[in-house]
Amino acid sequence: MEQEQIIMQLISQGGSAWSESIAAIRKARSQDYQASEKLLKKAHDDLLAAHNLQTKLLQKEINGSAERPSLLMVHAQDHLMNAMTVNDLAKELIAILKERN
């Protein structure tokens, strides 16, 4: 798989995980915890897939066959890290909402 394709998948999966995490919070706010958990699971799956792609890029770099980092790669990494942060916060917020209800 070409590096640019991997980068675009990182952006896509990061965006999906971010959206699913926000949707999970919204479902929890309306006390639909079952739907909230399903969305968190989807977000987890997207983050795991992105992590696996990221690992491929790291292995290329370790083996000396990586391409030069691009602005698109930096954007993909930023996108993914934001998604991971939102997912972590979503889990905490949902736990708080469950405790209150």
PDB file of N, CA and C in Angstrom:
ATOM      1  N   MET A   1       0.850  -1.176   0.000  1.00  0.00           N
ATOM      2  CA  MET A   1       0.000   0.000   0.000  1.00  0.00           C
ATOM      3  C   MET A   1       0.897   1.242   0.000  1.00  0.00           C
ATOM      4  N   GLU A   2       0.576   2.181  -0.848  1.00  0.00           N
ATOM      5  CA  GLU A   2       1.359   3.405  -0.947  1.00  0.00           C
ATOM      6  C   GLU A   2       1.218   4.231   0.335  1.00  0.00           C
ATOM      7  N   GLN A   3       2.261   4.976   0.646  1.00  0.00           N
ATOM      8  CA  GLN A   3       2.252   5.774   1.869  1.00  0.00           C
ATOM      9  C   GLN A   3       1.098   6.785   1.862  1.00  0.00           C
ATOM     10  N   GLU A   4       0.833   7.410   0.732  1.00  0.00           N
ATOM     11  CA  GLU A   4      -0.254   8.389   0.676  1.00  0.00           C
ATOM     12  C   GLU A   4      -1.604   7.742   0.969  1.00  0.00           C
ATOM     13  N   GLN A   5      -1.810   6.515   0.516  1.00  0.00           N
ATOM     14  CA  GLN A   5      -3.055   5.799   0.812  1.00  0.00           C
ATOM     15  C   GLN A   5      -3.168   5.520   2.310  1.00  0.00           C
ATOM     16  N   ILE A   6      -2.060   5.133   2.911  1.00  0.00           N
ATOM     17  CA  ILE A   6      -2.057   4.871   4.346  1.00  0.00           C
ATOM     18  C   ILE A   6      -2.385   6.144   5.104  1.00  0.00           C
ATOM     19  N   ILE A   7      -1.788   7.244   4.693  1.00  0.00           N
ATOM     20  CA  ILE A   7      -2.028   8.524   5.356  1.00  0.00           C
ATOM     21  C   ILE A   7      -3.500   8.918   5.243  1.00  0.00           C
ATOM     22  N   MET A   8      -4.081   8.740   4.082  1.00  0.00           N
ATOM     23  CA  MET A   8      -5.494   9.083   3.905  1.00  0.00           C
ATOM     24  C   MET A   8      -6.392   8.190   4.753  1.00  0.00           C
ATOM     25  N   GLN A   9      -6.017   6.935   4.900  1.00  0.00           N
ATOM     26  CA  GLN A   9      -6.791   6.042   5.778  1.00  0.00           C
ATOM     27  C   GLN A   9      -6.661   6.467   7.235  1.00  0.00           C
ATOM     28  N   LEU A  10      -5.478   6.918   7.639  1.00  0.00           N
ATOM     29  CA  LEU A  10      -5.312   7.430   9.004  1.00  0.00           C
ATOM     30  C   LEU A  10      -6.251   8.599   9.252  1.00  0.00           C
ATOM     31  N   ILE A  11      -6.319   9.507   8.298  1.00  0.00           N
ATOM     32  CA  ILE A  11      -7.199  10.667   8.431  1.00  0.00           C
ATOM     33  C   ILE A  11      -8.659  10.218   8.496  1.00  0.00           C
ATOM     34  N   SER A  12      -9.034   9.311   7.621  1.00  0.00           N
ATOM     35  CA  SER A  12     -10.412   8.831   7.577  1.00  0.00           C
ATOM     36  C   SER A  12     -10.807   8.105   8.864  1.00  0.00           C
ATOM     37  N   GLN A  13      -9.958   7.200   9.315  1.00  0.00           N
ATOM     38  CA  GLN A  13     -10.286   6.438  10.522  1.00  0.00           C
ATOM     39  C   GLN A  13     -10.241   7.319  11.772  1.00  0.00           C
ATOM     40  N   GLY A  14      -9.335   8.267  11.788  1.00  0.00           N
ATOM     41  CA  GLY A  14      -9.313   9.223  12.897  1.00  0.00           C
ATOM     42  C   GLY A  14     -10.587  10.048  12.929  1.00  0.00           C
ATOM     43  N   GLY A  15     -11.026  10.501  11.762  1.00  0.00           N
ATOM     44  CA  GLY A  15     -12.268  11.275  11.690  1.00  0.00           C
ATOM     45  C   GLY A  15     -13.477  10.463  12.113  1.00  0.00           C
ATOM     46  N   SER A  16     -13.515   9.222  11.692  1.00  0.00           N
ATOM     47  CA  SER A  16     -14.629   8.347  12.090  1.00  0.00           C
ATOM     48  C   SER A  16     -14.631   8.118  13.597  1.00  0.00           C
ATOM     49  N   ALA A  17     -13.480   7.840  14.149  1.00  0.00           N
ATOM     50  CA  ALA A  17     -13.387   7.604  15.595  1.00  0.00           C
ATOM     51  C   ALA A  17     -13.796   8.847  16.372  1.00  0.00           C
ATOM     52  N   TRP A  18     -13.381  10.017  15.898  1.00  0.00           N
ATOM     53  CA  TRP A  18     -13.752  11.274  16.552  1.00  0.00           C
ATOM     54  C   TRP A  18     -15.276  11.431  16.539  1.00  0.00           C
ATOM     55  N   SER A  19     -15.884  11.257  15.367  1.00  0.00           N
ATOM     56  CA  SER A  19     -17.337  11.409  15.220  1.00  0.00           C
ATOM     57  C   SER A  19     -18.106  10.406  16.067  1.00  0.00           C
ATOM     58  N   GLU A  20     -17.644   9.166  16.069  1.00  0.00           N
ATOM     59  CA  GLU A  20     -18.317   8.124  16.861  1.00  0.00           C
ATOM     60  C   GLU A  20     -18.202   8.406  18.353  1.00  0.00           C
ATOM     61  N   SER A  21     -17.089   8.932  18.780  1.00  0.00           N
ATOM     62  CA  SER A  21     -16.907   9.265  20.201  1.00  0.00           C
ATOM     63  C   SER A  21     -17.852  10.390  20.620  1.00  0.00           C
ATOM     64  N   ILE A  22     -17.964  11.421  19.784  1.00  0.00           N
ATOM     65  CA  ILE A  22     -18.888  12.522  20.081  1.00  0.00           C
ATOM     66  C   ILE A  22     -20.327  12.011  20.075  1.00  0.00           C
ATOM     67  N   ALA A  23     -20.670  11.181  19.115  1.00  0.00           N
ATOM     68  CA  ALA A  23     -22.022  10.606  19.051  1.00  0.00           C
ATOM     69  C   ALA A  23     -22.303   9.751  20.285  1.00  0.00           C
ATOM     70  N   ALA A  24     -21.298   9.050  20.782  1.00  0.00           N
ATOM     71  CA  ALA A  24     -21.466   8.224  21.985  1.00  0.00           C
ATOM     72  C   ALA A  24     -21.798   9.096  23.199  1.00  0.00           C
ATOM     73  N   ILE A  25     -21.154  10.240  23.298  1.00  0.00           N
ATOM     74  CA  ILE A  25     -21.461  11.167  24.399  1.00  0.00           C
ATOM     75  C   ILE A  25     -22.910  11.632  24.288  1.00  0.00           C
ATOM     76  N   ARG A  26     -23.313  11.987  23.087  1.00  0.00           N
ATOM     77  CA  ARG A  26     -24.685  12.470  22.882  1.00  0.00           C
ATOM     78  C   ARG A  26     -25.724  11.405  23.226  1.00  0.00           C
ATOM     79  N   LYS A  27     -25.426  10.164  22.864  1.00  0.00           N
ATOM     80  CA  LYS A  27     -26.348   9.069  23.220  1.00  0.00           C
ATOM     81  C   LYS A  27     -26.400   8.884  24.735  1.00  0.00           C
ATOM     82  N   ALA A  28     -25.263   8.996  25.383  1.00  0.00           N
ATOM     83  CA  ALA A  28     -25.228   8.851  26.844  1.00  0.00           C
ATOM     84  C   ALA A  28     -25.992   9.984  27.524  1.00  0.00           C
ATOM     85  N   ARG A  29     -25.914  11.175  26.963  1.00  0.00           N
ATOM     86  CA  ARG A  29     -26.661  12.314  27.524  1.00  0.00           C
ATOM     87  C   ARG A  29     -28.157  12.045  27.503  1.00  0.00           C
ATOM     88  N   SER A  30     -28.631  11.311  26.504  1.00  0.00           N
ATOM     89  CA  SER A  30     -30.051  10.970  26.427  1.00  0.00           C
ATOM     90  C   SER A  30     -30.329   9.614  27.087  1.00  0.00           C
ATOM     91  N   GLN A  31     -29.358   9.134  27.820  1.00  0.00           N
ATOM     92  CA  GLN A  31     -29.425   7.894  28.596  1.00  0.00           C
ATOM     93  C   GLN A  31     -29.597   6.641  27.731  1.00  0.00           C
ATOM     94  N   ASP A  32     -29.144   6.693  26.518  1.00  0.00           N
ATOM     95  CA  ASP A  32     -29.146   5.512  25.643  1.00  0.00           C
ATOM     96  C   ASP A  32     -27.740   4.903  25.708  1.00  0.00           C
ATOM     97  N   TYR A  33     -27.481   4.223  26.822  1.00  0.00           N
ATOM     98  CA  TYR A  33     -26.139   3.717  27.087  1.00  0.00           C
ATOM     99  C   TYR A  33     -25.767   2.537  26.190  1.00  0.00           C
ATOM    100  N   GLN A  34     -26.748   1.792  25.747  1.00  0.00           N
ATOM    101  CA  GLN A  34     -26.468   0.678  24.843  1.00  0.00           C
ATOM    102  C   GLN A  34     -25.930   1.202  23.509  1.00  0.00           C
ATOM    103  N   ALA A  35     -26.586   2.206  22.963  1.00  0.00           N
ATOM    104  CA  ALA A  35     -26.119   2.809  21.709  1.00  0.00           C
ATOM    105  C   ALA A  35     -24.770   3.487  21.918  1.00  0.00           C
ATOM    106  N   SER A  36     -24.616   4.100  23.078  1.00  0.00           N
ATOM    107  CA  SER A  36     -23.362   4.771  23.407  1.00  0.00           C
ATOM    108  C   SER A  36     -22.197   3.784  23.412  1.00  0.00           C
ATOM    109  N   GLU A  37     -22.404   2.630  24.011  1.00  0.00           N
ATOM    110  CA  GLU A  37     -21.351   1.607  24.065  1.00  0.00           C
ATOM    111  C   GLU A  37     -21.023   1.072  22.667  1.00  0.00           C
ATOM    112  N   LYS A  38     -22.033   0.906  21.830  1.00  0.00           N
ATOM    113  CA  LYS A  38     -21.795   0.446  20.453  1.00  0.00           C
ATOM    114  C   LYS A  38     -20.938   1.456  19.685  1.00  0.00           C
ATOM    115  N   LEU A  39     -21.225   2.728  19.877  1.00  0.00           N
ATOM    116  CA  LEU A  39     -20.447   3.767  19.206  1.00  0.00           C
ATOM    117  C   LEU A  39     -19.010   3.803  19.721  1.00  0.00           C
ATOM    118  N   LEU A  40     -18.844   3.615  21.024  1.00  0.00           N
ATOM    119  CA  LEU A  40     -17.479   3.568  21.572  1.00  0.00           C
ATOM    120  C   LEU A  40     -16.715   2.369  21.024  1.00  0.00           C
ATOM    121  N   LYS A  41     -17.410   1.255  20.833  1.00  0.00           N
ATOM    122  CA  LYS A  41     -16.774   0.065  20.255  1.00  0.00           C
ATOM    123  C   LYS A  41     -16.331   0.344  18.819  1.00  0.00           C
ATOM    124  N   LYS A  42     -17.193   1.005  18.035  1.00  0.00           N
ATOM    125  CA  LYS A  42     -16.826   1.363  16.664  1.00  0.00           C
ATOM    126  C   LYS A  42     -15.606   2.279  16.663  1.00  0.00           C
ATOM    127  N   ALA A  43     -15.622   3.263  17.557  1.00  0.00           N
ATOM    128  CA  ALA A  43     -14.489   4.192  17.648  1.00  0.00           C
ATOM    129  C   ALA A  43     -13.219   3.435  18.010  1.00  0.00           C
ATOM    130  N   HIS A  44     -13.332   2.501  18.939  1.00  0.00           N
ATOM    131  CA  HIS A  44     -12.177   1.698  19.333  1.00  0.00           C
ATOM    132  C   HIS A  44     -11.634   0.911  18.141  1.00  0.00           C
ATOM    133  N   ASP A  45     -12.539   0.316  17.373  1.00  0.00           N
ATOM    134  CA  ASP A  45     -12.122  -0.461  16.196  1.00  0.00           C
ATOM    135  C   ASP A  45     -11.402   0.421  15.173  1.00  0.00           C
ATOM    136  N   ASP A  46     -11.937   1.628  14.955  1.00  0.00           N
ATOM    137  CA  ASP A  46     -11.291   2.556  14.024  1.00  0.00           C
ATOM    138  C   ASP A  46      -9.914   2.975  14.527  1.00  0.00           C
ATOM    139  N   LEU A  47      -9.814   3.246  15.819  1.00  0.00           N
ATOM    140  CA  LEU A  47      -8.521   3.643  16.382  1.00  0.00           C
ATOM    141  C   LEU A  47      -7.514   2.499  16.311  1.00  0.00           C
ATOM    142  N   LEU A  48      -7.980   1.282  16.524  1.00  0.00           N
ATOM    143  CA  LEU A  48      -7.098   0.124  16.434  1.00  0.00           C
ATOM    144  C   LEU A  48      -6.591  -0.064  15.001  1.00  0.00           C
ATOM    145  N   ALA A  49      -7.484   0.068  14.032  1.00  0.00           N
ATOM    146  CA  ALA A  49      -7.084  -0.054  12.628  1.00  0.00           C
ATOM    147  C   ALA A  49      -6.075   1.040  12.268  1.00  0.00           C
ATOM    148  N   ALA A  50      -6.325   2.248  12.735  1.00  0.00           N
ATOM    149  CA  ALA A  50      -5.394   3.353  12.476  1.00  0.00           C
ATOM    150  C   ALA A  50      -4.047   3.091  13.137  1.00  0.00           C
ATOM    151  N   HIS A  51      -4.081   2.557  14.334  1.00  0.00           N
ATOM    152  CA  HIS A  51      -2.829   2.231  15.038  1.00  0.00           C
ATOM    153  C   HIS A  51      -2.020   1.197  14.250  1.00  0.00           C
ATOM    154  N   ASN A  52      -2.713   0.218  13.680  1.00  0.00           N
ATOM    155  CA  ASN A  52      -2.026  -0.798  12.889  1.00  0.00           C
ATOM    156  C   ASN A  52      -1.376  -0.187  11.646  1.00  0.00           C
ATOM    157  N   LEU A  53      -2.071   0.732  11.009  1.00  0.00           N
ATOM    158  CA  LEU A  53      -1.486   1.429   9.855  1.00  0.00           C
ATOM    159  C   LEU A  53      -0.285   2.277  10.275  1.00  0.00           C
ATOM    160  N   GLN A  54      -0.439   2.940  11.394  1.00  0.00           N
ATOM    161  CA  GLN A  54       0.647   3.761  11.930  1.00  0.00           C
ATOM    162  C   GLN A  54       1.873   2.894  12.219  1.00  0.00           C
ATOM    163  N   THR A  55       1.656   1.703  12.723  1.00  0.00           N
ATOM    164  CA  THR A  55       2.744   0.773  13.006  1.00  0.00           C
ATOM    165  C   THR A  55       3.473   0.391  11.715  1.00  0.00           C
ATOM    166  N   LYS A  56       2.726   0.209  10.628  1.00  0.00           N
ATOM    167  CA  LYS A  56       3.358  -0.094   9.341  1.00  0.00           C
ATOM    168  C   LYS A  56       4.291   1.034   8.921  1.00  0.00           C
ATOM    169  N   LEU A  57       3.841   2.270   9.092  1.00  0.00           N
ATOM    170  CA  LEU A  57       4.680   3.412   8.734  1.00  0.00           C
ATOM    171  C   LEU A  57       5.929   3.475   9.615  1.00  0.00           C
ATOM    172  N   LEU A  58       5.766   3.183  10.888  1.00  0.00           N
ATOM    173  CA  LEU A  58       6.916   3.183  11.802  1.00  0.00           C
ATOM    174  C   LEU A  58       7.907   2.085  11.438  1.00  0.00           C
ATOM    175  N   GLN A  59       7.399   0.924  11.061  1.00  0.00           N
ATOM    176  CA  GLN A  59       8.282  -0.170  10.656  1.00  0.00           C
ATOM    177  C   GLN A  59       9.067   0.190   9.403  1.00  0.00           C
ATOM    178  N   LYS A  60       8.418   0.878   8.465  1.00  0.00           N
ATOM    179  CA  LYS A  60       9.125   1.330   7.268  1.00  0.00           C
ATOM    180  C   LYS A  60      10.269   2.270   7.656  1.00  0.00           C
ATOM    181  N   GLU A  61       9.985   3.150   8.592  1.00  0.00           N
ATOM    182  CA  GLU A  61      11.019   4.096   9.013  1.00  0.00           C
ATOM    183  C   GLU A  61      12.173   3.380   9.701  1.00  0.00           C
ATOM    184  N   ILE A  62      11.864   2.429  10.548  1.00  0.00           N
ATOM    185  CA  ILE A  62      12.898   1.661  11.246  1.00  0.00           C
ATOM    186  C   ILE A  62      13.761   0.895  10.248  1.00  0.00           C
ATOM    187  N   ASN A  63      13.122   0.372   9.191  1.00  0.00           N
ATOM    188  CA  ASN A  63      13.848  -0.387   8.175  1.00  0.00           C
ATOM    189  C   ASN A  63      14.567   0.498   7.162  1.00  0.00           C
ATOM    190  N   GLY A  64      14.420   1.798   7.293  1.00  0.00           N
ATOM    191  CA  GLY A  64      15.098   2.724   6.403  1.00  0.00           C
ATOM    192  C   GLY A  64      14.434   2.898   5.053  1.00  0.00           C
ATOM    193  N   SER A  65      13.177   2.466   4.928  1.00  0.00           N
ATOM    194  CA  SER A  65      12.505   2.570   3.633  1.00  0.00           C
ATOM    195  C   SER A  65      11.354   3.579   3.653  1.00  0.00           C
ATOM    196  N   ALA A  66      11.314   4.409   4.681  1.00  0.00           N
ATOM    197  CA  ALA A  66      10.232   5.394   4.785  1.00  0.00           C
ATOM    198  C   ALA A  66      10.473   6.562   3.845  1.00  0.00           C
ATOM    199  N   GLU A  67       9.375   7.129   3.392  1.00  0.00           N
ATOM    200  CA  GLU A  67       9.467   8.344   2.592  1.00  0.00           C
ATOM    201  C   GLU A  67       9.649   9.528   3.532  1.00  0.00           C
ATOM    202  N   ARG A  68      10.037  10.621   2.967  1.00  0.00           N
ATOM    203  CA  ARG A  68      10.216  11.838   3.752  1.00  0.00           C
ATOM    204  C   ARG A  68       8.870  12.287   4.327  1.00  0.00           C
ATOM    205  N   PRO A  69       8.832  12.684   5.594  1.00  0.00           N
ATOM    206  CA  PRO A  69       7.556  13.143   6.181  1.00  0.00           C
ATOM    207  C   PRO A  69       7.000  14.346   5.409  1.00  0.00           C
ATOM    208  N   SER A  70       5.704  14.361   5.244  1.00  0.00           N
ATOM    209  CA  SER A  70       5.036  15.439   4.517  1.00  0.00           C
ATOM    210  C   SER A  70       4.072  16.167   5.449  1.00  0.00           C
ATOM    211  N   LEU A  71       3.598  17.308   4.978  1.00  0.00           N
ATOM    212  CA  LEU A  71       2.591  18.039   5.734  1.00  0.00           C
ATOM    213  C   LEU A  71       1.330  17.190   5.893  1.00  0.00           C
ATOM    214  N   LEU A  72       1.004  16.398   4.882  1.00  0.00           N
ATOM    215  CA  LEU A  72      -0.157  15.513   4.958  1.00  0.00           C
ATOM    216  C   LEU A  72       0.018  14.480   6.071  1.00  0.00           C
ATOM    217  N   MET A  73       1.235  13.963   6.224  1.00  0.00           N
ATOM    218  CA  MET A  73       1.505  13.009   7.310  1.00  0.00           C
ATOM    219  C   MET A  73       1.349  13.678   8.669  1.00  0.00           C
ATOM    220  N   VAL A  74       1.846  14.870   8.797  1.00  0.00           N
ATOM    221  CA  VAL A  74       1.705  15.603  10.061  1.00  0.00           C
ATOM    222  C   VAL A  74       0.221  15.821  10.369  1.00  0.00           C
ATOM    223  N   HIS A  75      -0.537  16.187   9.341  1.00  0.00           N
ATOM    224  CA  HIS A  75      -1.977  16.385   9.511  1.00  0.00           C
ATOM    225  C   HIS A  75      -2.655  15.083   9.958  1.00  0.00           C
ATOM    226  N   ALA A  76      -2.279  13.980   9.337  1.00  0.00           N
ATOM    227  CA  ALA A  76      -2.864  12.685   9.702  1.00  0.00           C
ATOM    228  C   ALA A  76      -2.567  12.335  11.153  1.00  0.00           C
ATOM    229  N   GLN A  77      -1.345  12.554  11.576  1.00  0.00           N
ATOM    230  CA  GLN A  77      -0.961  12.256  12.965  1.00  0.00           C
ATOM    231  C   GLN A  77      -1.731  13.149  13.935  1.00  0.00           C
ATOM    232  N   ASP A  78      -1.867  14.422  13.580  1.00  0.00           N
ATOM    233  CA  ASP A  78      -2.614  15.359  14.418  1.00  0.00           C
ATOM    234  C   ASP A  78      -4.072  14.934  14.519  1.00  0.00           C
ATOM    235  N   HIS A  79      -4.640  14.563  13.386  1.00  0.00           N
ATOM    236  CA  HIS A  79      -6.025  14.116  13.322  1.00  0.00           C
ATOM    237  C   HIS A  79      -6.236  12.883  14.215  1.00  0.00           C
ATOM    238  N   LEU A  80      -5.325  11.946  14.114  1.00  0.00           N
ATOM    239  CA  LEU A  80      -5.423  10.711  14.888  1.00  0.00           C
ATOM    240  C   LEU A  80      -5.268  10.981  16.389  1.00  0.00           C
ATOM    241  N   MET A  81      -4.321  11.814  16.755  1.00  0.00           N
ATOM    242  CA  MET A  81      -4.122  12.117  18.177  1.00  0.00           C
ATOM    243  C   MET A  81      -5.336  12.845  18.769  1.00  0.00           C
ATOM    244  N   ASN A  82      -5.945  13.737  17.988  1.00  0.00           N
ATOM    245  CA  ASN A  82      -7.165  14.405  18.455  1.00  0.00           C
ATOM    246  C   ASN A  82      -8.283  13.395  18.663  1.00  0.00           C
ATOM    247  N   ALA A  83      -8.414  12.452  17.756  1.00  0.00           N
ATOM    248  CA  ALA A  83      -9.447  11.426  17.883  1.00  0.00           C
ATOM    249  C   ALA A  83      -9.218  10.577  19.132  1.00  0.00           C
ATOM    250  N   MET A  84      -7.964  10.249  19.403  1.00  0.00           N
ATOM    251  CA  MET A  84      -7.657   9.450  20.596  1.00  0.00           C
ATOM    252  C   MET A  84      -7.996  10.222  21.871  1.00  0.00           C
ATOM    253  N   THR A  85      -7.699  11.506  21.882  1.00  0.00           N
ATOM    254  CA  THR A  85      -8.005  12.339  23.049  1.00  0.00           C
ATOM    255  C   THR A  85      -9.507  12.451  23.263  1.00  0.00           C
ATOM    256  N   VAL A  86     -10.238  12.707  22.192  1.00  0.00           N
ATOM    257  CA  VAL A  86     -11.698  12.812  22.302  1.00  0.00           C
ATOM    258  C   VAL A  86     -12.290  11.482  22.766  1.00  0.00           C
ATOM    259  N   ASN A  87     -11.752  10.381  22.285  1.00  0.00           N
ATOM    260  CA  ASN A  87     -12.246   9.068  22.694  1.00  0.00           C
ATOM    261  C   ASN A  87     -12.007   8.833  24.184  1.00  0.00           C
ATOM    262  N   ASP A  88     -10.834   9.181  24.666  1.00  0.00           N
ATOM    263  CA  ASP A  88     -10.549   9.030  26.095  1.00  0.00           C
ATOM    264  C   ASP A  88     -11.490   9.889  26.942  1.00  0.00           C
ATOM    265  N   LEU A  89     -11.695  11.132  26.513  1.00  0.00           N
ATOM    266  CA  LEU A  89     -12.603  12.014  27.243  1.00  0.00           C
ATOM    267  C   LEU A  89     -14.045  11.513  27.170  1.00  0.00           C
ATOM    268  N   ALA A  90     -14.442  10.969  26.030  1.00  0.00           N
ATOM    269  CA  ALA A  90     -15.797  10.424  25.888  1.00  0.00           C
ATOM    270  C   ALA A  90     -16.035   9.313  26.904  1.00  0.00           C
ATOM    271  N   LYS A  91     -15.064   8.436  27.053  1.00  0.00           N
ATOM    272  CA  LYS A  91     -15.208   7.348  28.023  1.00  0.00           C
ATOM    273  C   LYS A  91     -15.405   7.884  29.437  1.00  0.00           C
ATOM    274  N   GLU A  92     -14.644   8.897  29.785  1.00  0.00           N
ATOM    275  CA  GLU A  92     -14.751   9.489  31.128  1.00  0.00           C
ATOM    276  C   GLU A  92     -16.096  10.196  31.316  1.00  0.00           C
ATOM    277  N   LEU A  93     -16.509  10.971  30.321  1.00  0.00           N
ATOM    278  CA  LEU A  93     -17.792  11.669  30.417  1.00  0.00           C
ATOM    279  C   LEU A  93     -18.958  10.695  30.512  1.00  0.00           C
ATOM    280  N   ILE A  94     -18.906   9.641  29.745  1.00  0.00           N
ATOM    281  CA  ILE A  94     -19.977   8.645  29.774  1.00  0.00           C
ATOM    282  C   ILE A  94     -20.029   7.953  31.137  1.00  0.00           C
ATOM    283  N   ALA A  95     -18.870   7.668  31.695  1.00  0.00           N
ATOM    284  CA  ALA A  95     -18.839   7.061  33.035  1.00  0.00           C
ATOM    285  C   ALA A  95     -19.469   8.001  34.063  1.00  0.00           C
ATOM    286  N   ILE A  96     -19.185   9.285  33.960  1.00  0.00           N
ATOM    287  CA  ILE A  96     -19.774  10.261  34.880  1.00  0.00           C
ATOM    288  C   ILE A  96     -21.294  10.319  34.697  1.00  0.00           C
ATOM    289  N   LEU A  97     -21.736  10.353  33.451  1.00  0.00           N
ATOM    290  CA  LEU A  97     -23.178  10.381  33.185  1.00  0.00           C
ATOM    291  C   LEU A  97     -23.877   9.133  33.736  1.00  0.00           C
ATOM    292  N   LYS A  98     -23.228   7.986  33.601  1.00  0.00           N
ATOM    293  CA  LYS A  98     -23.819   6.759  34.145  1.00  0.00           C
ATOM    294  C   LYS A  98     -23.921   6.812  35.658  1.00  0.00           C
ATOM    295  N   GLU A  99     -22.902   7.341  36.322  1.00  0.00           N
ATOM    296  CA  GLU A  99     -22.914   7.444  37.780  1.00  0.00           C
ATOM    297  C   GLU A  99     -24.030   8.374  38.265  1.00  0.00           C
ATOM    298  N   ARG A 100     -24.253   9.440  37.531  1.00  0.00           N
ATOM    299  CA  ARG A 100     -25.282  10.409  37.915  1.00  0.00           C
ATOM    300  C   ARG A 100     -26.681   9.861  37.734  1.00  0.00           C
ATOM    301  N   ASN A 101     -26.846   8.968  36.789  1.00  0.00           N
ATOM    302  CA  ASN A 101     -28.173   8.410  36.519  1.00  0.00           C
ATOM    303  C   ASN A 101     -28.265   7.061  37.157  1.00  0.00           C
TER     304      ASN A 101
END
